[in-house]
N, C-alpha and C. Protein backbone atom coordinates (compact mmCIF):
# COMPACT_ATOMS: atom_id res chain seq x y z
N ARG A 1 -2.68 110.73 21.54
CA ARG A 1 -2.44 110.16 20.22
C ARG A 1 -0.96 109.92 20.04
N LEU A 2 -0.65 108.89 19.30
CA LEU A 2 0.75 108.56 19.05
C LEU A 2 1.13 108.89 17.61
N SER A 3 2.35 109.32 17.44
CA SER A 3 2.90 109.47 16.10
C SER A 3 4.13 108.58 16.03
N ILE A 4 4.82 108.60 14.92
CA ILE A 4 6.02 107.77 14.78
C ILE A 4 7.06 108.14 15.81
N ASN A 5 7.18 109.41 16.15
CA ASN A 5 8.20 109.87 17.09
C ASN A 5 7.70 109.97 18.54
N GLY A 6 6.53 109.52 18.83
CA GLY A 6 6.03 109.62 20.20
C GLY A 6 4.68 110.29 20.22
N TRP A 7 4.45 111.07 21.28
CA TRP A 7 3.16 111.73 21.43
C TRP A 7 2.99 112.84 20.40
N LEU A 8 1.81 112.89 19.83
CA LEU A 8 1.46 113.96 18.90
C LEU A 8 0.82 115.07 19.72
N HIS A 9 1.45 116.22 19.73
CA HIS A 9 0.96 117.33 20.54
C HIS A 9 -0.05 118.12 19.74
N GLY A 10 -1.26 118.14 20.22
CA GLY A 10 -2.33 118.86 19.56
C GLY A 10 -3.57 118.81 20.42
N PRO A 11 -4.62 119.44 19.98
CA PRO A 11 -5.83 119.45 20.79
C PRO A 11 -6.43 118.04 20.89
N ILE A 12 -6.99 117.76 22.05
CA ILE A 12 -7.62 116.46 22.26
C ILE A 12 -9.09 116.59 21.91
N ASN A 13 -9.53 115.75 21.01
CA ASN A 13 -10.94 115.76 20.61
C ASN A 13 -11.77 115.03 21.66
N PRO A 14 -12.87 115.61 22.09
CA PRO A 14 -13.70 114.93 23.08
C PRO A 14 -14.39 113.71 22.46
N ARG A 15 -14.62 112.71 23.31
CA ARG A 15 -15.32 111.52 22.84
C ARG A 15 -16.80 111.82 22.68
N PRO A 16 -17.42 111.25 21.65
CA PRO A 16 -18.86 111.47 21.49
C PRO A 16 -19.63 110.75 22.60
N THR A 17 -20.78 111.30 22.94
CA THR A 17 -21.62 110.69 23.96
C THR A 17 -22.22 109.40 23.40
N PRO A 18 -22.12 108.28 24.14
CA PRO A 18 -22.68 107.03 23.63
C PRO A 18 -24.21 107.11 23.53
N ILE A 19 -24.74 106.43 22.55
CA ILE A 19 -26.18 106.41 22.34
C ILE A 19 -26.71 105.08 22.85
N PHE A 20 -27.65 105.14 23.76
CA PHE A 20 -28.26 103.93 24.31
C PHE A 20 -29.69 103.83 23.79
N GLU A 21 -29.98 102.73 23.13
CA GLU A 21 -31.32 102.50 22.62
C GLU A 21 -31.94 101.33 23.37
N SER A 22 -33.22 101.42 23.65
CA SER A 22 -33.87 100.32 24.34
C SER A 22 -34.06 99.15 23.37
N LEU A 23 -34.00 97.95 23.91
CA LEU A 23 -34.17 96.76 23.10
C LEU A 23 -35.65 96.52 22.85
N PRO A 24 -35.98 95.94 21.70
CA PRO A 24 -37.39 95.66 21.45
C PRO A 24 -37.91 94.57 22.39
N ALA A 25 -39.19 94.62 22.67
CA ALA A 25 -39.80 93.61 23.55
C ALA A 25 -39.75 92.24 22.86
N THR A 26 -39.54 91.21 23.64
CA THR A 26 -39.49 89.86 23.09
C THR A 26 -40.69 89.06 23.58
N LYS A 27 -41.00 88.03 22.81
CA LYS A 27 -42.09 87.14 23.19
C LYS A 27 -41.53 86.01 24.03
N PRO A 28 -42.30 85.49 24.97
CA PRO A 28 -41.82 84.33 25.72
C PRO A 28 -41.66 83.13 24.78
N ALA A 29 -40.71 82.28 25.10
CA ALA A 29 -40.45 81.11 24.27
C ALA A 29 -41.65 80.17 24.28
N SER A 30 -41.93 79.61 23.11
CA SER A 30 -43.03 78.65 23.03
C SER A 30 -42.50 77.26 23.36
N LYS A 31 -43.42 76.35 23.60
CA LYS A 31 -43.01 74.99 23.92
C LYS A 31 -42.44 74.32 22.69
N PHE A 32 -41.53 73.39 22.91
CA PHE A 32 -40.88 72.66 21.83
C PHE A 32 -41.91 71.76 21.15
N GLN A 33 -42.03 71.84 19.85
CA GLN A 33 -43.01 71.08 19.09
C GLN A 33 -42.32 69.99 18.27
N GLN A 34 -43.09 69.01 17.84
CA GLN A 34 -42.57 67.95 16.98
C GLN A 34 -42.04 68.54 15.68
N SER A 35 -42.70 69.57 15.16
CA SER A 35 -42.24 70.20 13.92
C SER A 35 -40.86 70.83 14.11
N ASP A 36 -40.57 71.32 15.32
CA ASP A 36 -39.25 71.87 15.61
C ASP A 36 -38.19 70.78 15.50
N LEU A 37 -38.49 69.61 16.04
CA LEU A 37 -37.55 68.50 15.98
C LEU A 37 -37.32 68.06 14.54
N GLU A 38 -38.37 68.03 13.74
CA GLU A 38 -38.24 67.66 12.34
C GLU A 38 -37.36 68.66 11.60
N ARG A 39 -37.53 69.93 11.88
CA ARG A 39 -36.71 70.96 11.22
C ARG A 39 -35.24 70.81 11.63
N ILE A 40 -34.99 70.53 12.90
CA ILE A 40 -33.62 70.33 13.37
C ILE A 40 -33.00 69.14 12.67
N ASN A 41 -33.75 68.05 12.56
CA ASN A 41 -33.24 66.84 11.91
C ASN A 41 -32.93 67.08 10.44
N GLN A 42 -33.67 67.97 9.78
CA GLN A 42 -33.41 68.27 8.38
C GLN A 42 -32.21 69.19 8.21
N THR A 43 -31.96 70.03 9.21
CA THR A 43 -30.93 71.05 9.09
C THR A 43 -29.58 70.59 9.62
N VAL A 44 -29.58 69.90 10.75
CA VAL A 44 -28.35 69.52 11.43
C VAL A 44 -28.05 68.05 11.14
N SER A 45 -26.81 67.76 10.85
CA SER A 45 -26.41 66.38 10.61
C SER A 45 -26.69 65.54 11.85
N SER A 46 -27.20 64.33 11.63
CA SER A 46 -27.54 63.45 12.76
C SER A 46 -26.31 63.14 13.61
N MET A 47 -25.13 63.21 13.02
CA MET A 47 -23.90 62.96 13.77
C MET A 47 -23.77 63.96 14.93
N TYR A 48 -24.16 65.22 14.70
CA TYR A 48 -24.01 66.25 15.73
C TYR A 48 -25.11 66.20 16.78
N LEU A 49 -26.14 65.40 16.55
CA LEU A 49 -27.22 65.28 17.53
C LEU A 49 -26.92 64.21 18.57
N LYS A 50 -25.86 63.44 18.37
CA LYS A 50 -25.47 62.41 19.34
C LYS A 50 -24.80 63.08 20.53
N VAL A 51 -25.11 62.58 21.72
CA VAL A 51 -24.57 63.16 22.95
C VAL A 51 -23.04 63.09 22.97
N GLU A 52 -22.48 61.99 22.50
CA GLU A 52 -21.02 61.83 22.50
C GLU A 52 -20.36 62.89 21.62
N THR A 53 -20.94 63.13 20.45
CA THR A 53 -20.38 64.13 19.54
C THR A 53 -20.51 65.53 20.13
N GLN A 54 -21.64 65.81 20.77
CA GLN A 54 -21.83 67.12 21.40
C GLN A 54 -20.77 67.34 22.48
N TYR A 55 -20.49 66.30 23.25
CA TYR A 55 -19.47 66.40 24.30
C TYR A 55 -18.10 66.68 23.68
N ASP A 56 -17.76 65.95 22.61
CA ASP A 56 -16.47 66.16 21.94
C ASP A 56 -16.34 67.58 21.41
N VAL A 57 -17.40 68.09 20.82
CA VAL A 57 -17.38 69.46 20.28
C VAL A 57 -17.21 70.46 21.42
N GLN A 58 -17.92 70.26 22.54
CA GLN A 58 -17.79 71.16 23.68
C GLN A 58 -16.38 71.14 24.25
N MET A 59 -15.75 69.99 24.28
CA MET A 59 -14.38 69.89 24.81
C MET A 59 -13.39 70.56 23.86
N THR A 60 -13.67 70.52 22.56
CA THR A 60 -12.78 71.14 21.58
C THR A 60 -12.87 72.66 21.64
N PHE A 61 -14.06 73.19 21.81
CA PHE A 61 -14.25 74.63 21.80
C PHE A 61 -14.52 75.12 23.19
């Protein structure tokens, strides 16, 4: 541990043991449906669905 003047001399506290939890089971992805495309079109601006715009965004980030 550090203090303003350097090392703080005192007992070292042990680190707690990490807790590992198993992840929940997932379902396999379903096939892309027309309703999925309709939802995307309602949610995402059509400008961002163009390949050129996607490329520009990928190059920016």
